[in-house]
Amino acid sequence: MSNQVSRRNFIQCGACLGTAALFLNKAYSADANALAQDKAETNVRFCLNLGTIRSYDLRLIQELEVAKKAGYSSVEIWLDRLTDYARADDPRVFNQNKLKELKKYVDGEGLKIEGAIGFASWIVDDERRRADGLEELKRQVEALATIGASCIAAPASGTNDKIPVETVAKRYRTVLELCEPYGVRPLLELWGVSQTLGKVSDCLAICAETERTDAALLLDVYHMFRGGNSFSSLALISGSATPVFHMNDYPSEPPREKMNDGHRVFPGDGRAPWSEIMRLLHKNGFNGAFSFEIFNQDYRKQYSAVDQARIGLEKMQTLYEEYAK
């Protein structure tokens, strides 16, 4: 076997390394001292993922009112709620006047829309479904650009098959190219139960294989645990490659393999290693949004939507102040 590297492979390798550099620990760079800046100088924000209060059956504006009352400065919206709010006669089209009305409302309330949670089937093997998913995604990012959202989740929606890293990378690259003109960044979302996007290592490889520096991850404490990932892997990810980080926790029971979304608890109320999580995120320059996302039906019975959101905010702030050093 030849030990020579072809010029084409060398160039491809260099492009992948350029993308991978976005994720690598900046503590090894010459400006590592810049990462030790005081927390007061950062742009870290505390965000409410509106899925947390989804079970209260509120309309989008009511959900935004809850976020404001609970003390949040930013939110992640769900695209089905946005669709209901801005539905046009053609269900495939957003009502532009309603979108502009929403933008005016959030600006007036001093709220920032960090991003959105959607489930377009961009990753699936079926070519027709994938094409339809990309069309759906395009409509979504057009609407999100109008209301000032900066990113959208890109999960493994529509399949639980194991898809090769190289294949997913090509499809994710297509998503990145589609979203770029609108200024909306698609975040490859780790799902702990996914055979394709359940491992941080696979997600990092996919991002590197896209050969694009705008590739980024949407990580979640519960999903990292559910997928059997080590939180030490956060040491490999630059803060600029994780603009949103989902905050929640997981209990001691049931066993990891039997947990589901509904088992998530308030940040700090479970057994996640918060000292390690916050220390590594801070060390690597995380400067985005900590977004509170849980789906615990017991909380639905115990708290109002505002109270649940407020408690989540307080717990996130406490963990950040205590451990982000």
Foldseek 3Di string as FASTA:
>chain_A
DDPDDDPVRVVLVVLLVVQLVQFAFCCPPPVLVVLVDDPVPFQEFAEAELQQVVVVVDAPVVSVVLCLLLPHQEYAEEVVSQLVQQPDPPSLAGNLVSLLVLLVVSVVSNHAYQYYEYAQQCQDPPPVSNVVSLSSVLRVLQSCLSSHHQEYEDENHPDQDADDLLSNLVSVLVVQVSNVVSNYQYAYEAACSHNHRQEPVSLSSSSSSNSDNSYAHEEEQLSCVLNVHDLLCLNGGALVRHQEYEAWAAAPDDPSPPDDQQRTHAHPPHDGPLLSNLQSNSSRPNRHYHYYDGHHVVVVVVDDSSVVSNVSSVNVVVSNVVRND
